[in-house]
Amino acid sequence: MTDSEALDAYSRTVSAVARTLTPHVASVDLHRGSGSAVTFTGDGHLLTNAHVVGAHKHGTATFSDGTESDFEVIGADPLSDLAVIRASGTPDPAELGDSDGLVVGQLVVAVGSPMGLSGSVTAGVVSGLGRSLPVRQGQAARVIEDVIQTDAALNPGNSGGALADSTGRVVGINTAVAGYGLGLAIPINTTTRRIIDTLMVEGRVRRAYLGLVGIPAPLPDEVAERTGQRAGLRVIEVVGGGPAAQAGLRKGDLILTVDRDQVQNAQGIQRKLFAEVIGTNLAVTVLRNGAMVDVFAQPVELTVR
């Protein structure tokens, strides 16, 4: 294939995605702020960022054909930076994909409303996967897991817009401009789909709290060979009086499993800390002084002020 043929193929792909996706992405106006949103259900639900809607309850969505529709905020979750809004008279939904199939170097297309310019399209590649994005709401802090890094140009107003693969499926919701030539997107995966479903039903996401801080750490060779696990989560801080402290977890413990599932980073614990484990006995296996120790912690509900 010649350079000209390759360029033509690239252009055709981007153009096809733009035609497919642009009608489903809206510019959202919240009186003192703006951003983007993408339809994902047939009854008018759109996905956007929690930081786009902020404390607002209503706004206006404008689609690329000029159609305007008032919307209400159904629910927002600042700790995943996702929000669901609902408008009337929206176009058919975009197709949600799965970010788990992405690879570095893969073509992606971003559609949004930078600077209020609705229907803007940029293209680039996946320049990194598995990034972490720290977020905070009041005193609560969390790390958004498996964030997608892209070099597709993102500017203010792109937040809440769609990041799509070459077939036009939405694999991420653009969330941040991290620096020159660097953008980040919240992935569409099993965890975020669960958050989205919860927002649609309950309007918020209840999370469990253990009260510890950890960093990834390699396992000793003999433990890795025995368990088939290469890394765990080294506890570097235990909050006094919290569930982890009451369960007997200590600074220096190396967490191997939570609820019998392997944990190799903070995200491994976060996936477990949803409403259904609040008040339950959550089994935590740690490596302490060369021995495996089981403790049982009772998570409490995370309160955000």
Protein backbone atom coordinates (compact mmCIF):
# COMPACT_ATOMS: atom_id res chain seq x y z
CA MET A 1 0.00 0.00 0.00
CA THR A 2 1.38 3.41 -0.95
CA ASP A 3 1.44 6.37 1.42
CA SER A 4 -1.38 7.94 -0.55
CA GLU A 5 -3.49 4.80 -0.30
CA ALA A 6 -2.83 4.54 3.44
CA LEU A 7 -3.81 8.17 3.93
CA ASP A 8 -7.00 7.64 1.94
CA ALA A 9 -7.88 4.60 4.08
CA TYR A 10 -7.25 6.59 7.26
CA SER A 11 -9.41 9.46 6.01
CA ARG A 12 -12.23 7.13 5.02
CA THR A 13 -12.21 5.52 8.45
CA VAL A 14 -12.28 8.82 10.32
CA SER A 15 -14.98 10.18 8.02
CA ALA A 16 -17.12 7.08 8.51
CA VAL A 17 -16.86 7.32 12.29
CA ALA A 18 -17.67 11.03 12.16
CA ARG A 19 -20.80 10.37 10.09
CA THR A 20 -21.86 7.60 12.45
CA LEU A 21 -21.19 9.31 15.75
CA THR A 22 -21.62 13.07 15.29
CA PRO A 23 -25.47 13.00 15.30
CA HIS A 24 -25.42 11.31 18.72
CA VAL A 25 -23.15 13.83 20.48
CA ALA A 26 -24.61 17.02 21.94
CA SER A 27 -23.20 20.28 23.19
CA VAL A 28 -24.52 20.89 26.71
CA ASP A 29 -25.08 24.35 28.16
CA LEU A 30 -25.42 24.77 31.92
CA HIS A 31 -25.73 28.56 32.00
CA ARG A 32 -22.22 29.18 33.36
CA GLY A 33 -20.47 26.19 31.92
CA SER A 34 -20.53 23.89 28.93
CA GLY A 35 -19.34 20.55 27.72
CA SER A 36 -20.50 17.58 25.67
CA ALA A 37 -22.67 14.49 26.11
CA VAL A 38 -23.42 11.37 24.10
CA THR A 39 -26.73 9.50 23.78
CA PHE A 40 -26.64 5.89 24.89
CA THR A 41 -30.27 4.79 25.32
CA GLY A 42 -33.34 5.01 23.13
CA ASP A 43 -35.32 6.94 25.76
CA GLY A 44 -33.14 10.02 25.93
CA HIS A 45 -30.34 9.23 28.37
CA LEU A 46 -26.95 10.80 27.68
CA LEU A 47 -23.56 10.24 29.26
CA THR A 48 -21.33 13.12 30.28
CA ASN A 49 -18.83 14.03 33.00
CA ALA A 50 -19.80 14.77 36.58
CA HIS A 51 -17.56 17.83 36.47
CA VAL A 52 -19.50 19.11 33.46
CA VAL A 53 -22.87 19.11 35.25
CA GLY A 54 -21.42 20.12 38.63
CA ALA A 55 -24.25 21.06 40.99
CA HIS A 56 -26.67 21.88 38.17
CA LYS A 57 -29.95 20.00 37.83
CA HIS A 58 -31.02 21.24 34.40
CA GLY A 59 -29.55 22.51 31.15
CA THR A 60 -29.89 22.55 27.38
CA ALA A 61 -28.51 20.02 24.90
CA THR A 62 -27.88 21.06 21.30
CA PHE A 63 -27.22 18.43 18.62
CA SER A 64 -25.21 18.85 15.43
CA ASP A 65 -28.36 19.38 13.34
CA GLY A 66 -29.33 22.35 15.51
CA THR A 67 -32.00 20.52 17.51
CA GLU A 68 -32.21 21.80 21.08
CA SER A 69 -33.66 19.95 24.04
CA ASP A 70 -33.87 20.75 27.74
CA PHE A 71 -32.43 18.07 29.98
CA GLU A 72 -32.43 17.11 33.64
CA VAL A 73 -29.54 15.59 35.54
CA ILE A 74 -30.51 12.04 36.56
CA GLY A 75 -27.40 11.33 38.59
CA ALA A 76 -23.73 12.21 38.94
CA ASP A 77 -20.77 10.43 40.49
CA PRO A 78 -17.77 12.74 40.98
CA LEU A 79 -15.57 9.82 42.07
CA SER A 80 -15.80 8.29 38.59
CA ASP A 81 -16.41 11.65 36.85
CA LEU A 82 -19.51 10.23 35.16
CA ALA A 83 -23.01 11.66 35.01
CA VAL A 84 -26.28 10.69 33.33
CA ILE A 85 -28.69 13.29 31.97
CA ARG A 86 -32.02 12.83 30.23
CA ALA A 87 -33.53 14.89 27.43
CA SER A 88 -36.55 14.56 25.17
CA GLY A 89 -36.47 14.28 21.39
CA THR A 90 -32.94 12.88 21.23
CA PRO A 91 -31.58 10.92 18.25
CA ASP A 92 -31.04 7.17 18.31
CA PRO A 93 -28.35 6.10 20.77
CA ALA A 94 -24.71 5.65 19.96
CA GLU A 95 -23.36 2.14 20.42
CA LEU A 96 -21.29 1.61 23.56
CA GLY A 97 -18.25 -0.59 23.05
CA ASP A 98 -15.74 -2.03 25.49
CA SER A 99 -12.40 -0.40 26.23
CA ASP A 100 -10.90 -3.73 27.33
CA GLY A 101 -10.21 -4.54 23.68
CA LEU A 102 -8.14 -1.42 23.01
CA VAL A 103 -4.43 -1.59 22.25
CA VAL A 104 -1.79 1.13 22.25
CA GLY A 105 -1.44 2.64 18.79
CA GLN A 106 -5.05 1.94 17.82
CA LEU A 107 -6.96 4.63 15.95
CA VAL A 108 -9.55 6.53 18.00
CA VAL A 109 -11.84 9.42 17.10
CA ALA A 110 -13.05 12.10 19.53
CA VAL A 111 -16.34 13.92 18.96
CA GLY A 112 -17.43 16.81 21.12
CA SER A 113 -17.99 20.54 21.41
CA PRO A 114 -14.68 22.26 22.15
CA MET A 115 -15.07 25.98 22.69
CA GLY A 116 -18.82 25.46 22.10
CA LEU A 117 -18.24 24.31 18.51
CA SER A 118 -20.65 21.35 18.36
CA GLY A 119 -19.92 18.36 16.16
CA SER A 120 -16.14 18.85 16.20
CA VAL A 121 -14.13 15.78 15.25
CA THR A 122 -10.48 14.99 15.96
CA ALA A 123 -8.56 11.76 15.52
CA GLY A 124 -5.46 10.18 16.98
CA VAL A 125 -4.28 6.99 18.58
CA VAL A 126 -4.46 5.33 21.95
CA SER A 127 -1.17 6.52 23.41
CA GLY A 128 -1.48 4.75 26.75
CA LEU A 129 -3.74 2.39 28.68
CA GLY A 130 -4.26 1.64 32.35
CA ARG A 131 -3.56 5.20 33.44
CA SER A 132 -4.82 6.39 36.82
CA LEU A 133 -6.66 9.68 37.35
CA PRO A 134 -6.91 10.88 40.99
CA VAL A 135 -10.23 12.55 41.81
CA ARG A 136 -11.60 14.07 44.99
CA GLN A 137 -15.03 15.03 46.32
CA GLY A 138 -14.87 16.80 49.63
CA GLN A 139 -12.73 14.64 51.89
CA ALA A 140 -13.23 11.53 49.73
CA ALA A 141 -10.45 10.58 47.33
CA ARG A 142 -10.40 7.88 44.72
CA VAL A 143 -8.46 6.80 41.66
CA ILE A 144 -10.34 6.32 38.40
CA GLU A 145 -8.96 3.10 37.00
CA ASP A 146 -7.86 2.08 33.50
CA VAL A 147 -8.08 5.60 32.08
CA ILE A 148 -7.42 5.86 28.34
CA GLN A 149 -4.67 8.22 27.19
CA THR A 150 -4.95 9.61 23.67
CA ASP A 151 -3.21 12.17 21.49
CA ALA A 152 -6.50 13.08 19.77
CA ALA A 153 -6.82 16.83 20.29
CA LEU A 154 -9.07 17.63 23.27
CA ASN A 155 -9.91 21.15 24.35
CA PRO A 156 -12.24 22.78 26.89
CA GLY A 157 -15.77 21.70 25.98
CA ASN A 158 -14.70 18.23 24.81
CA SER A 159 -15.33 16.91 28.32
CA GLY A 160 -18.28 14.53 28.27
CA GLY A 161 -17.92 13.81 24.58
CA ALA A 162 -17.29 10.48 22.92
CA LEU A 163 -14.05 8.66 22.25
CA ALA A 164 -14.78 5.99 19.64
CA ASP A 165 -12.94 3.16 17.95
CA SER A 166 -12.68 2.74 14.18
CA THR A 167 -16.13 1.11 14.01
CA GLY A 168 -17.82 4.07 15.68
CA ARG A 169 -18.43 2.34 19.02
CA VAL A 170 -17.97 4.58 22.07
CA VAL A 171 -15.12 3.20 24.18
CA GLY A 172 -14.56 6.20 26.43
CA ILE A 173 -15.98 9.49 27.70
CA ASN A 174 -13.47 12.30 27.31
CA THR A 175 -12.74 13.82 30.69
CA ALA A 176 -9.55 15.85 30.85
CA VAL A 177 -6.93 17.75 28.95
CA ALA A 178 -3.81 16.62 30.77
CA GLY A 179 -1.31 18.71 28.82
CA TYR A 180 -0.17 19.61 25.33
CA GLY A 181 -1.00 16.71 23.01
CA LEU A 182 -2.36 14.60 25.86
CA GLY A 183 -6.00 13.78 26.61
CA LEU A 184 -7.68 11.33 28.96
CA ALA A 185 -10.98 9.46 28.76
CA ILE A 186 -13.02 7.44 31.23
CA PRO A 187 -13.22 3.88 29.85
CA ILE A 188 -16.42 2.06 29.03
CA ASN A 189 -15.92 -1.25 30.81
CA THR A 190 -17.62 -3.55 33.30
CA THR A 191 -17.01 -1.23 36.26
CA THR A 192 -18.21 1.95 34.56
CA ARG A 193 -21.24 0.21 33.08
CA ARG A 194 -22.19 -0.75 36.61
CA ILE A 195 -21.78 2.86 37.74
CA ILE A 196 -23.89 4.08 34.83
CA ASP A 197 -26.67 1.58 35.57
CA THR A 198 -26.67 2.61 39.23
CA LEU A 199 -26.89 6.30 38.35
CA MET A 200 -29.88 5.62 36.10
CA VAL A 201 -31.74 3.77 38.86
CA GLU A 202 -30.62 5.47 42.07
CA GLY A 203 -29.14 8.78 40.97
CA ARG A 204 -25.96 8.21 42.98
CA VAL A 205 -23.38 5.54 43.68
CA ARG A 206 -23.02 4.21 47.22
CA ARG A 207 -19.50 3.07 48.03
CA ALA A 208 -17.95 1.14 50.86
CA TYR A 209 -14.99 2.44 52.86
CA LEU A 210 -12.14 0.49 54.43
CA GLY A 211 -9.81 3.25 55.56
CA LEU A 212 -6.43 2.32 54.16
CA VAL A 213 -3.94 3.57 51.61
CA GLY A 214 -1.74 1.23 49.59
CA ILE A 215 0.71 1.09 46.73
CA PRO A 216 1.44 -1.80 44.33
CA ALA A 217 4.35 -3.98 45.38
CA PRO A 218 5.91 -7.18 43.97
CA LEU A 219 5.41 -10.44 45.81
CA PRO A 220 8.35 -12.55 46.98
CA ASP A 221 9.28 -15.14 44.37
CA GLU A 222 8.16 -18.09 46.47
CA VAL A 223 4.73 -16.52 47.09
CA ALA A 224 4.36 -15.58 43.44
CA GLU A 225 5.14 -19.15 42.38
CA ARG A 226 2.68 -20.60 44.88
CA THR A 227 -0.21 -18.22 44.12
CA GLY A 228 0.41 -17.34 40.48
CA GLN A 229 0.16 -13.69 41.51
CA ARG A 230 3.00 -11.27 40.77
CA ALA A 231 2.03 -8.25 42.86
CA GLY A 232 -0.11 -7.16 45.78
CA LEU A 233 -1.02 -3.92 47.53
CA ARG A 234 1.39 -2.75 50.23
CA VAL A 235 -0.47 -0.94 53.04
CA ILE A 236 1.27 2.36 53.72
CA GLU A 237 -1.40 3.94 55.93
CA VAL A 238 -4.27 2.68 58.06
CA VAL A 239 -6.82 5.26 59.17
CA GLY A 240 -7.22 5.13 62.94
CA GLY A 241 -10.61 3.83 64.04
CA GLY A 242 -11.57 2.82 60.49
CA PRO A 243 -12.74 -0.62 59.39
CA ALA A 244 -9.26 -1.71 58.33
CA ALA A 245 -7.78 -0.72 61.69
CA GLN A 246 -10.57 -2.44 63.60
CA ALA A 247 -9.97 -5.61 61.57
CA GLY A 248 -6.31 -5.62 62.55
CA LEU A 249 -4.76 -4.60 59.23
CA ARG A 250 -1.37 -2.99 59.73
CA LYS A 251 1.01 -0.70 57.93
CA GLY A 252 3.39 -2.91 55.97
CA ASP A 253 0.87 -5.68 55.29
CA LEU A 254 0.86 -6.84 51.69
CA ILE A 255 -2.73 -7.41 50.58
CA LEU A 256 -3.08 -10.43 48.30
CA THR A 257 -6.84 -10.92 47.98
CA VAL A 258 -10.08 -9.18 48.88
CA ASP A 259 -13.22 -11.32 48.96
CA ARG A 260 -10.98 -14.14 47.62
CA ASP A 261 -10.16 -12.21 44.43
CA GLN A 262 -6.56 -11.26 43.73
CA VAL A 263 -5.57 -7.65 44.31
CA GLN A 264 -2.53 -6.19 42.56
CA ASN A 265 -3.28 -2.46 42.84
CA ALA A 266 -5.71 0.03 44.39
CA GLN A 267 -8.20 -0.58 41.61
CA GLY A 268 -8.48 -4.21 42.65
CA ILE A 269 -9.92 -3.09 45.99
CA GLN A 270 -12.05 -0.31 44.53
CA ARG A 271 -13.88 -2.79 42.31
CA LYS A 272 -15.07 -4.51 45.48
CA LEU A 273 -16.14 -1.44 47.43
CA PHE A 274 -19.72 -0.95 46.30
CA ALA A 275 -22.96 -0.88 48.27
CA GLU A 276 -23.48 -4.62 48.66
CA VAL A 277 -20.39 -5.09 50.87
CA ILE A 278 -21.28 -2.34 53.36
CA GLY A 279 -21.58 -3.95 56.78
CA THR A 280 -20.54 -7.42 55.59
CA ASN A 281 -17.53 -9.44 56.69
CA LEU A 282 -15.11 -8.88 53.84
CA ALA A 283 -12.28 -11.40 53.77
CA VAL A 284 -8.83 -9.85 53.27
CA THR A 285 -5.75 -12.05 52.88
CA VAL A 286 -2.42 -10.38 53.60
CA LEU A 287 1.22 -11.41 53.62
CA ARG A 288 2.66 -10.49 57.02
CA ASN A 289 6.15 -11.48 58.18
CA GLY A 290 6.29 -14.16 55.51
CA ALA A 291 2.99 -15.78 56.48
CA MET A 292 -0.46 -15.49 54.91
CA VAL A 293 -3.00 -14.07 57.35
CA ASP A 294 -6.77 -13.79 56.90
CA VAL A 295 -8.64 -10.88 58.48
CA PHE A 296 -12.28 -9.86 58.18
CA ALA A 297 -13.15 -6.22 57.78
CA GLN A 298 -16.61 -4.66 57.88
CA PRO A 299 -16.70 -1.79 55.39
CA VAL A 300 -18.86 1.20 56.24
CA GLU A 301 -20.57 3.54 53.79
CA LEU A 302 -18.29 6.21 52.37
CA THR A 303 -19.66 9.60 53.35
CA VAL A 304 -18.79 12.60 51.21
CA ARG A 305 -18.89 16.11 52.61
